[in-house]
Each structure stands twice: as structure tokens, then as C-alpha cells.
C-alpha atoms as a PDB file:
ATOM      1  CA  MET A   1     -26.601 -23.233  58.027  1.00  0.00           C
ATOM      2  CA  GLU A   2     -26.614 -26.799  56.885  1.00  0.00           C
ATOM      3  CA  GLU A   3     -30.270 -26.517  55.690  1.00  0.00           C
ATOM      4  CA  THR A   4     -29.292 -23.531  53.724  1.00  0.00           C
ATOM      5  CA  ILE A   5     -26.685 -25.142  51.901  1.00  0.00           C
ATOM      6  CA  GLU A   6     -29.008 -28.168  51.131  1.00  0.00           C
ATOM      7  CA  LEU A   7     -31.629 -25.927  49.779  1.00  0.00           C
ATOM      8  CA  LYS A   8     -29.146 -24.168  47.692  1.00  0.00           C
ATOM      9  CA  GLN A   9     -28.296 -27.536  46.489  1.00  0.00           C
ATOM     10  CA  ILE A  10     -31.805 -28.422  45.526  1.00  0.00           C
ATOM     11  CA  ILE A  11     -32.192 -25.254  43.671  1.00  0.00           C
ATOM     12  CA  GLY A  12     -29.117 -25.908  41.964  1.00  0.00           C
ATOM     13  CA  MET A  13     -30.310 -29.442  41.013  1.00  0.00           C
ATOM     14  CA  ILE A  14     -33.580 -27.837  39.894  1.00  0.00           C
ATOM     15  CA  LYS A  15     -31.897 -25.244  37.704  1.00  0.00           C
ATOM     16  CA  LYS A  16     -29.488 -27.859  36.147  1.00  0.00           C
ATOM     17  CA  ARG A  17     -32.368 -29.998  35.039  1.00  0.00           C
ATOM     18  CA  LEU A  18     -34.908 -27.198  34.095  1.00  0.00           C
ATOM     19  CA  VAL A  19     -35.323 -28.515  30.528  1.00  0.00           C
ATOM     20  CA  LEU A  20     -36.270 -31.863  31.872  1.00  0.00           C
ATOM     21  CA  ILE A  21     -38.700 -30.435  34.315  1.00  0.00           C
ATOM     22  CA  LEU A  22     -40.245 -28.252  31.572  1.00  0.00           C
ATOM     23  CA  SER A  23     -40.419 -31.058  29.183  1.00  0.00           C
ATOM     24  CA  VAL A  24     -42.167 -33.502  31.553  1.00  0.00           C
ATOM     25  CA  THR A  25     -44.790 -30.704  32.850  1.00  0.00           C
ATOM     26  CA  ALA A  26     -45.450 -30.053  28.849  1.00  0.00           C
ATOM     27  CA  ILE A  27     -45.996 -33.583  28.081  1.00  0.00           C
ATOM     28  CA  VAL A  28     -48.292 -34.452  31.287  1.00  0.00           C
ATOM     29  CA  THR A  29     -50.281 -31.326  30.674  1.00  0.00           C
ATOM     30  CA  LEU A  30     -50.752 -32.019  27.133  1.00  0.00           C
ATOM     31  CA  ILE A  31     -52.013 -35.478  27.857  1.00  0.00           C
ATOM     32  CA  ALA A  32     -54.376 -34.510  30.154  1.00  0.00           C
ATOM     33  CA  ALA A  33     -55.796 -31.811  27.947  1.00  0.00           C
ATOM     34  CA  LEU A  34     -55.920 -34.119  25.028  1.00  0.00           C
ATOM     35  CA  TYR A  35     -57.747 -36.776  27.141  1.00  0.00           C
ATOM     36  CA  SER A  36     -60.131 -34.317  28.490  1.00  0.00           C
ATOM     37  CA  PHE A  37     -61.125 -32.325  25.158  1.00  0.00           C
ATOM     38  CA  PHE A  38     -60.899 -35.321  22.638  1.00  0.00           C
ATOM     39  CA  ILE A  39     -60.675 -38.700  24.389  1.00  0.00           C
ATOM     40  CA  THR A  40     -63.142 -39.035  27.153  1.00  0.00           C
ATOM     41  CA  THR A  41     -66.913 -38.977  26.563  1.00  0.00           C
ATOM     42  CA  PRO A  42     -68.718 -35.861  27.715  1.00  0.00           C
ATOM     43  CA  VAL A  43     -71.465 -36.668  30.376  1.00  0.00           C
ATOM     44  CA  TYR A  44     -74.631 -34.415  30.685  1.00  0.00           C
ATOM     45  CA  GLU A  45     -76.926 -34.134  33.619  1.00  0.00           C
ATOM     46  CA  SER A  46     -80.599 -33.452  34.248  1.00  0.00           C
ATOM     47  CA  SER A  47     -82.881 -33.433  37.172  1.00  0.00           C
ATOM     48  CA  THR A  48     -86.459 -33.326  38.292  1.00  0.00           C
ATOM     49  CA  GLN A  49     -87.938 -33.127  41.978  1.00  0.00           C
ATOM     50  CA  ILE A  50     -90.872 -35.094  43.459  1.00  0.00           C
ATOM     51  CA  LEU A  51     -92.728 -33.684  46.252  1.00  0.00           C
ATOM     52  CA  VAL A  52     -94.218 -36.051  48.824  1.00  0.00           C
ATOM     53  CA  SER A  53     -97.234 -34.513  50.489  1.00  0.00           C
ATOM     54  CA  LYS A  54     -99.610 -35.720  53.373  1.00  0.00           C
ATOM     55  CA  THR A  55    -102.740 -37.535  52.596  1.00  0.00           C
ATOM     56  CA  GLU A  56    -105.913 -36.537  53.949  1.00  0.00           C
ATOM     57  CA  GLU A  57    -105.650 -39.072  56.852  1.00  0.00           C
ATOM     58  CA  GLU A  58    -102.289 -37.844  57.891  1.00  0.00           C
ATOM     59  CA  ASN A  59    -103.396 -34.378  58.200  1.00  0.00           C
ATOM     60  CA  VAL A  60    -103.262 -34.590  62.102  1.00  0.00           C
ATOM     61  CA  TYR A  61     -99.874 -33.700  63.255  1.00  0.00           C
ATOM     62  CA  ASN A  62     -98.249 -36.230  66.092  1.00  0.00           C
ATOM     63  CA  ILE A  63     -95.222 -36.272  68.033  1.00  0.00           C
ATOM     64  CA  ASN A  64     -93.899 -39.197  65.573  1.00  0.00           C
ATOM     65  CA  GLU A  65     -94.540 -37.144  62.273  1.00  0.00           C
ATOM     66  CA  LEU A  66     -90.881 -36.384  61.549  1.00  0.00           C
ATOM     67  CA  GLN A  67     -89.498 -39.862  62.094  1.00  0.00           C
ATOM     68  CA  THR A  68     -92.566 -41.331  59.951  1.00  0.00           C
ATOM     69  CA  ASP A  69     -91.891 -38.930  57.185  1.00  0.00           C
ATOM     70  CA  LEU A  70     -88.187 -39.684  57.134  1.00  0.00           C
ATOM     71  CA  LYS A  71     -88.712 -43.464  56.928  1.00  0.00           C
ATOM     72  CA  LEU A  72     -91.411 -42.686  54.194  1.00  0.00           C
ATOM     73  CA  ILE A  73     -89.063 -40.710  52.049  1.00  0.00           C
ATOM     74  CA  ASN A  74     -86.067 -43.290  52.564  1.00  0.00           C
ATOM     75  CA  THR A  75     -88.652 -46.075  51.251  1.00  0.00           C
ATOM     76  CA  TYR A  76     -89.633 -43.772  48.421  1.00  0.00           C
ATOM     77  CA  ASN A  77     -85.790 -43.260  47.583  1.00  0.00           C
ATOM     78  CA  VAL A  78     -85.273 -47.152  47.249  1.00  0.00           C
ATOM     79  CA  ILE A  79     -88.478 -47.684  45.407  1.00  0.00           C
ATOM     80  CA  ILE A  80     -87.598 -45.172  42.701  1.00  0.00           C
ATOM     81  CA  THR A  81     -84.513 -47.307  41.684  1.00  0.00           C
ATOM     82  CA  SER A  82     -85.969 -50.510  41.924  1.00  0.00           C
ATOM     83  CA  PRO A  83     -86.480 -53.072  39.239  1.00  0.00           C
ATOM     84  CA  ARG A  84     -90.188 -52.634  39.454  1.00  0.00           C
ATOM     85  CA  ILE A  85     -89.856 -48.917  38.410  1.00  0.00           C
ATOM     86  CA  LEU A  86     -86.942 -49.150  35.980  1.00  0.00           C
ATOM     87  CA  ASP A  87     -88.047 -51.969  34.011  1.00  0.00           C
ATOM     88  CA  ILE A  88     -91.220 -49.990  33.215  1.00  0.00           C
ATOM     89  CA  VAL A  89     -88.823 -46.925  32.199  1.00  0.00           C
ATOM     90  CA  LYS A  90     -86.615 -49.064  30.095  1.00  0.00           C
ATOM     91  CA  GLU A  91     -89.789 -50.446  28.323  1.00  0.00           C
ATOM     92  CA  GLU A  92     -91.343 -46.963  27.766  1.00  0.00           C
ATOM     93  CA  LEU A  93     -88.113 -45.268  26.597  1.00  0.00           C
ATOM     94  CA  SER A  94     -86.820 -48.416  24.640  1.00  0.00           C
ATOM     95  CA  LEU A  95     -83.712 -48.431  26.286  1.00  0.00           C
ATOM     96  CA  SER A  96     -81.090 -51.108  25.538  1.00  0.00           C
ATOM     97  CA  MET A  97     -79.375 -51.373  28.724  1.00  0.00           C
ATOM     98  CA  SER A  98     -79.991 -53.752  32.163  1.00  0.00           C
ATOM     99  CA  SER A  99     -81.924 -52.308  35.177  1.00  0.00           C
ATOM    100  CA  ALA A 100     -78.499 -52.067  36.778  1.00  0.00           C
ATOM    101  CA  GLU A 101     -76.894 -49.979  34.117  1.00  0.00           C
ATOM    102  CA  LEU A 102     -79.952 -47.675  34.409  1.00  0.00           C
ATOM    103  CA  LYS A 103     -79.776 -47.501  37.854  1.00  0.00           C
ATOM    104  CA  ASN A 104     -76.023 -46.277  37.775  1.00  0.00           C
ATOM    105  CA  LYS A 105     -77.229 -43.347  35.829  1.00  0.00           C
ATOM    106  CA  ILE A 106     -79.767 -42.174  38.428  1.00  0.00           C
ATOM    107  CA  GLN A 107     -78.870 -40.562  41.728  1.00  0.00           C
ATOM    108  CA  VAL A 108     -81.765 -40.104  44.364  1.00  0.00           C
ATOM    109  CA  ARG A 109     -81.134 -37.505  46.980  1.00  0.00           C
ATOM    110  CA  SER A 110     -83.484 -36.222  49.770  1.00  0.00           C
ATOM    111  CA  GLU A 111     -83.413 -32.489  50.311  1.00  0.00           C
ATOM    112  CA  ALA A 112     -82.614 -31.320  53.798  1.00  0.00           C
ATOM    113  CA  ASP A 113     -85.406 -30.723  56.153  1.00  0.00           C
ATOM    114  CA  SER A 114     -87.915 -30.967  53.290  1.00  0.00           C
ATOM    115  CA  LYS A 115     -90.203 -33.519  51.751  1.00  0.00           C
ATOM    116  CA  VAL A 116     -88.609 -33.091  48.240  1.00  0.00           C
ATOM    117  CA  ILE A 117     -86.955 -35.842  46.463  1.00  0.00           C
ATOM    118  CA  SER A 118     -84.362 -34.873  43.699  1.00  0.00           C
ATOM    119  CA  LEU A 119     -83.873 -37.216  40.814  1.00  0.00           C
ATOM    120  CA  ILE A 120     -80.543 -36.402  39.031  1.00  0.00           C
ATOM    121  CA  VAL A 121     -79.615 -38.433  35.836  1.00  0.00           C
ATOM    122  CA  GLN A 122     -76.390 -38.493  33.865  1.00  0.00           C
ATOM    123  CA  ASP A 123     -76.026 -39.817  30.398  1.00  0.00           C
ATOM    124  CA  ALA A 124     -73.574 -39.357  27.552  1.00  0.00           C
ATOM    125  CA  GLN A 125     -76.713 -37.609  25.668  1.00  0.00           C
ATOM    126  CA  HIS A 126     -78.503 -34.536  27.086  1.00  0.00           C
ATOM    127  CA  ASN A 127     -81.931 -35.519  25.514  1.00  0.00           C
ATOM    128  CA  VAL A 128     -81.617 -39.077  27.175  1.00  0.00           C
ATOM    129  CA  ALA A 129     -80.883 -37.861  30.367  1.00  0.00           C
ATOM    130  CA  VAL A 130     -83.943 -35.629  30.401  1.00  0.00           C
ATOM    131  CA  ALA A 131     -86.214 -38.449  29.161  1.00  0.00           C
ATOM    132  CA  ILE A 132     -84.985 -40.679  31.889  1.00  0.00           C
ATOM    133  CA  ALA A 133     -85.424 -38.161  34.677  1.00  0.00           C
ATOM    134  CA  ASN A 134     -89.061 -37.376  33.590  1.00  0.00           C
ATOM    135  CA  THR A 135     -90.064 -40.651  32.772  1.00  0.00           C
ATOM    136  CA  THR A 136     -88.641 -42.224  36.061  1.00  0.00           C
ATOM    137  CA  ALA A 137     -90.700 -39.756  38.142  1.00  0.00           C
ATOM    138  CA  ASN A 138     -93.805 -40.249  36.181  1.00  0.00           C
ATOM    139  CA  VAL A 139     -93.696 -43.995  36.564  1.00  0.00           C
ATOM    140  CA  PHE A 140     -93.063 -43.773  40.123  1.00  0.00           C
ATOM    141  CA  GLN A 141     -95.743 -41.439  40.671  1.00  0.00           C
ATOM    142  CA  ARG A 142     -98.098 -43.695  38.881  1.00  0.00           C
ATOM    143  CA  GLU A 143     -96.902 -46.871  40.539  1.00  0.00           C
ATOM    144  CA  ILE A 144     -96.402 -45.749  43.919  1.00  0.00           C
ATOM    145  CA  GLY A 145    -100.196 -46.119  44.605  1.00  0.00           C
ATOM    146  CA  ASN A 146    -100.318 -49.860  43.298  1.00  0.00           C
ATOM    147  CA  LEU A 147     -97.146 -50.457  45.668  1.00  0.00           C
ATOM    148  CA  MET A 148     -98.209 -48.954  49.033  1.00  0.00           C
ATOM    149  CA  ASN A 149    -101.829 -47.782  48.434  1.00  0.00           C
ATOM    150  CA  VAL A 150    -101.089 -44.209  48.825  1.00  0.00           C
ATOM    151  CA  ASP A 151    -101.416 -40.742  46.824  1.00  0.00           C
ATOM    152  CA  ASN A 152     -99.264 -38.558  48.136  1.00  0.00           C
ATOM    153  CA  VAL A 153     -96.627 -37.974  45.336  1.00  0.00           C
ATOM    154  CA  SER A 154     -96.633 -35.089  42.919  1.00  0.00           C
ATOM    155  CA  ILE A 155     -94.021 -33.939  40.296  1.00  0.00           C
ATOM    156  CA  LEU A 156     -92.545 -30.582  41.710  1.00  0.00           C
ATOM    157  CA  SER A 157     -90.727 -29.675  38.614  1.00  0.00           C
ATOM    158  CA  VAL A 158     -89.685 -31.473  35.264  1.00  0.00           C
ATOM    159  CA  ALA A 159     -86.457 -31.870  33.506  1.00  0.00           C
ATOM    160  CA  THR A 160     -86.111 -29.817  30.502  1.00  0.00           C
ATOM    161  CA  THR A 161     -83.995 -29.894  27.329  1.00  0.00           C
ATOM    162  CA  LEU A 162     -81.562 -26.919  26.838  1.00  0.00           C
ATOM    163  CA  GLU A 163     -80.202 -25.536  23.664  1.00  0.00           C
ATOM    164  CA  ASN A 164     -76.907 -25.547  24.472  1.00  0.00           C
ATOM    165  CA  PRO A 165     -76.215 -28.145  27.326  1.00  0.00           C
ATOM    166  CA  GLN A 166     -72.794 -28.178  29.116  1.00  0.00           C
ATOM    167  CA  PRO A 167     -71.395 -31.374  30.162  1.00  0.00           C
ATOM    168  CA  VAL A 168     -70.888 -31.866  33.971  1.00  0.00           C
ATOM    169  CA  LYS A 169     -67.962 -34.211  33.224  1.00  0.00           C
ATOM    170  CA  PRO A 170     -65.093 -34.010  32.539  1.00  0.00           C
ATOM    171  CA  ASN A 171     -63.992 -30.707  33.761  1.00  0.00           C
ATOM    172  CA  ALA A 172     -61.370 -29.957  31.001  1.00  0.00           C
ATOM    173  CA  LEU A 173     -59.904 -27.004  32.431  1.00  0.00           C
ATOM    174  CA  LEU A 174     -59.547 -28.611  36.134  1.00  0.00           C
ATOM    175  CA  ASN A 175     -58.109 -31.659  34.453  1.00  0.00           C
ATOM    176  CA  THR A 176     -55.453 -29.793  32.751  1.00  0.00           C
ATOM    177  CA  MET A 177     -54.502 -27.575  35.648  1.00  0.00           C
ATOM    178  CA  ILE A 178     -54.242 -30.958  37.589  1.00  0.00           C
ATOM    179  CA  GLY A 179     -52.303 -32.214  34.700  1.00  0.00           C
ATOM    180  CA  LEU A 180     -49.891 -29.156  34.872  1.00  0.00           C
ATOM    181  CA  VAL A 181     -49.400 -29.494  38.656  1.00  0.00           C
ATOM    182  CA  LEU A 182     -48.735 -33.223  38.476  1.00  0.00           C
ATOM    183  CA  GLY A 183     -46.282 -32.727  35.417  1.00  0.00           C
ATOM    184  CA  VAL A 184     -44.250 -30.153  37.638  1.00  0.00           C
ATOM    185  CA  MET A 185     -44.058 -32.559  40.619  1.00  0.00           C
ATOM    186  CA  MET A 186     -43.143 -35.531  38.252  1.00  0.00           C
ATOM    187  CA  GLY A 187     -40.468 -33.564  36.393  1.00  0.00           C
ATOM    188  CA  THR A 188     -38.852 -32.060  39.660  1.00  0.00           C
ATOM    189  CA  GLY A 189     -38.827 -35.515  41.341  1.00  0.00           C
ATOM    190  CA  LEU A 190     -37.500 -37.137  38.449  1.00  0.00           C
ATOM    191  CA  ALA A 191     -34.732 -34.454  38.281  1.00  0.00           C
ATOM    192  CA  LEU A 192     -33.753 -34.690  41.872  1.00  0.00           C
ATOM    193  CA  LEU A 193     -33.884 -38.606  41.324  1.00  0.00           C
ATOM    194  CA  LEU A 194     -31.438 -38.595  38.422  1.00  0.00           C
ATOM    195  CA  GLU A 195     -29.308 -35.795  40.245  1.00  0.00           C
ATOM    196  CA  TYR A 196     -29.368 -38.162  43.245  1.00  0.00           C
ATOM    197  CA  PHE A 197     -27.904 -41.328  41.470  1.00  0.00           C
ATOM    198  CA  ASP A 198     -25.559 -39.256  39.234  1.00  0.00           C
ATOM    199  CA  ASN A 199     -22.335 -39.857  40.771  1.00  0.00           C
ATOM    200  CA  THR A 200     -20.075 -38.797  38.142  1.00  0.00           C
ATOM    201  CA  ILE A 201     -17.405 -35.962  38.186  1.00  0.00           C
ATOM    202  CA  LYS A 202     -18.168 -33.005  35.790  1.00  0.00           C
ATOM    203  CA  THR A 203     -16.649 -30.136  37.217  1.00  0.00           C
ATOM    204  CA  THR A 204     -13.723 -28.794  39.848  1.00  0.00           C
ATOM    205  CA  ASN A 205     -16.624 -28.252  42.243  1.00  0.00           C
ATOM    206  CA  ASP A 206     -17.476 -31.763  41.939  1.00  0.00           C
ATOM    207  CA  ILE A 207     -13.954 -32.890  42.950  1.00  0.00           C
ATOM    208  CA  GLU A 208     -13.670 -30.474  45.891  1.00  0.00           C
ATOM    209  CA  GLN A 209     -17.179 -31.474  46.950  1.00  0.00           C
ATOM    210  CA  HIS A 210     -17.089 -35.283  46.761  1.00  0.00           C
ATOM    211  CA  LEU A 211     -13.138 -35.853  47.594  1.00  0.00           C
ATOM    212  CA  GLN A 212     -12.773 -32.987  49.755  1.00  0.00           C
ATOM    213  CA  LEU A 213      -9.440 -32.188  47.917  1.00  0.00           C
ATOM    214  CA  PRO A 214      -8.159 -28.874  46.580  1.00  0.00           C
ATOM    215  CA  VAL A 215      -7.980 -28.394  42.801  1.00  0.00           C
ATOM    216  CA  LEU A 216      -4.598 -27.337  41.906  1.00  0.00           C
ATOM    217  CA  GLY A 217      -4.971 -27.174  37.958  1.00  0.00           C
ATOM    218  CA  SER A 218      -7.201 -28.449  35.198  1.00  0.00           C
ATOM    219  CA  VAL A 219      -6.551 -29.535  31.578  1.00  0.00           C
ATOM    220  CA  VAL A 220      -8.574 -27.501  29.001  1.00  0.00           C
ATOM    221  CA  ASN A 221     -10.249 -29.224  26.150  1.00  0.00           C
ATOM    222  CA  MET A 222      -9.486 -27.415  23.064  1.00  0.00           C
ATOM    223  CA  ASP A 223     -11.032 -28.046  19.807  1.00  0.00           C
ATOM    224  CA  ASP A 224      -9.197 -28.727  16.500  1.00  0.00           C
ATOM    225  CA  ASP A 225      -9.018 -24.911  15.422  1.00  0.00           C
ATOM    226  CA  LYS A 226      -7.537 -23.682  18.435  1.00  0.00           C
ATOM    227  CA  THR A 227      -4.896 -26.793  18.286  1.00  0.00           C
ATOM    228  CA  LYS A 228      -3.957 -25.841  14.890  1.00  0.00           C
ATOM    229  CA  HIS A 229      -3.538 -22.239  15.930  1.00  0.00           C
ATOM    230  CA  ILE A 230      -1.156 -23.323  18.764  1.00  0.00           C
ATOM    231  CA  ASN A 231       0.907 -25.617  16.503  1.00  0.00           C
ATOM    232  CA  MET A 232       1.206 -22.876  13.904  1.00  0.00           C
ATOM    233  CA  LYS A 233       2.483 -20.716  16.458  1.00  0.00           C
ATOM    234  CA  ARG A 234       4.749 -23.145  18.114  1.00  0.00           C
ATOM    235  CA  ASN A 235       6.442 -23.972  14.711  1.00  0.00           C
ATOM    236  CA  PHE A 236       6.919 -20.075  14.052  1.00  0.00           C
ATOM    237  CA  MET A 237       8.506 -19.699  17.179  1.00  0.00           C
ATOM    238  CA  GLN A 238      11.019 -22.783  16.526  1.00  0.00           C
ATOM    239  CA  ARG A 239      11.856 -21.287  13.154  1.00  0.00           C
ATOM    240  CA  SER A 240      12.553 -17.858  14.508  1.00  0.00           C
ATOM    241  CA  GLY A 241      14.733 -19.695  17.068  1.00  0.00           C
ATOM    242  CA  GLY A 242      12.225 -18.393  19.866  1.00  0.00           C
ATOM    243  CA  THR A 243      11.462 -21.061  22.866  1.00  0.00           C
ATOM    244  CA  SER A 244       8.270 -19.388  24.416  1.00  0.00           C
ATOM    245  CA  LEU A 245       4.613 -19.863  23.041  1.00  0.00           C
ATOM    246  CA  GLY A 246       3.989 -16.446  24.298  1.00  0.00           C
END
């Protein structure tokens, strides 16, 4: 029974501060939407794939083949984003950024149970992302032979420029929905917090609840028009010899 009363009190507090909750929700949702659609810079993504094949000398299968391939691919993943490769990419594309900044734009991922390496690039300009992905793959394919004396890397797929590319970040709709949920939580929390610290007496119910005393009567707050009406009625009764205000 106690839990039911507490739940009713919470619902009553929410209803009492409903305007505040809706206002906070609207403000937070609007901020999230404005940030996602107009403030933050959209980021585009492009990718290419590299295939690591066997050399002629490696065509004989052995028991350590899987482990050897895994180590080789992991080594290639590190080399792709090394300064040796990225410095050449910067020079060919005339990029005004450091190798570290360029590396942060590139994600190298090995596809599960395969010898395919995915090269994923994110940039504020779609055409730049495409150029970085393709140039990095080409430079790696060209330079890996000089670095490791191998010729087992080929380009499986190239990045292409789209007519109407869609940014991968930010997800404006998702951010707006998160803002909506966050706004409801913040508004409700603020409403309950204000209600918790509000110890003023406003109604007869507050007196009964906080003081545990019965209310015998109350004084009505009358406006000026109603006061004038009562005074006129009192004067009329006095002139007519009456004693009651009716």
C-alpha cells in the first residue's frame, strides 16, 4: 500500500511540473537537432579491399599455414598505416596534414577467415576519402615488394565516387532521439528535485500531509470586484436595517 501511495505522489509531482518537463525536453531535443544538422561537420566514408594471395613458393600447404598467413596479414595491417606508406600518400595527394592525422582517418580491418584486408577512410569530403583510400592501397601494393621482397598483394576492389554520398556521421535522427530521451529524463529529474526541496504550504492537503492536523476552515482570497460586491451588499443591508449578508 505504501508503494502505491508513493507512486501516486510521483505521478502527481510529474503532472504538477508537466510544463517544466515539456519545456526542458523541447530545449534539449532542439539543441541536439541543431547540433546534428547545422553545427557538426558531416563525415563521409569510403573503402577499398586488398587481397593477400600466395606466392609461387607458398603454394605447398603445410600445418603452419594458417598461423603464418595470420602473422603476415597482421604485419601488412601495420605497414599500411606506417609513415613509410603514408608519407608517400601525402606527397602524391598534396595533403596538408601530418602522418599521424592521416593515420587517424584510416581504419585497417582484416576480414574474418579470409585473406582480404579492408581499408576504410573517413573524411569531411567524400572525394578526399575516395582518393586517400585508393592511393593508400596503390602505394602499399607498390612498396610492399621493396619492403618485404614479396609480390602477393593485389587490389580486390577500389573506392568509387558517389553522386549523392550520405555522411556516416553524425546520425542526425539518432542524435535527435537521444536528445528527446535525455530531455525527458532531465526534465523529470529536475521536476522531482524541485518538488523534493519545496517545503512551502500551498493547499489544505499540504497542511494535513505535513502537519498531520485536520483543517477546520480556510480563508478565501477574494479579488477587488468580489470585495466591492460584498461591501455594497453590506451597506445596502445596513441601510435597510438588516443584519445578515445573506
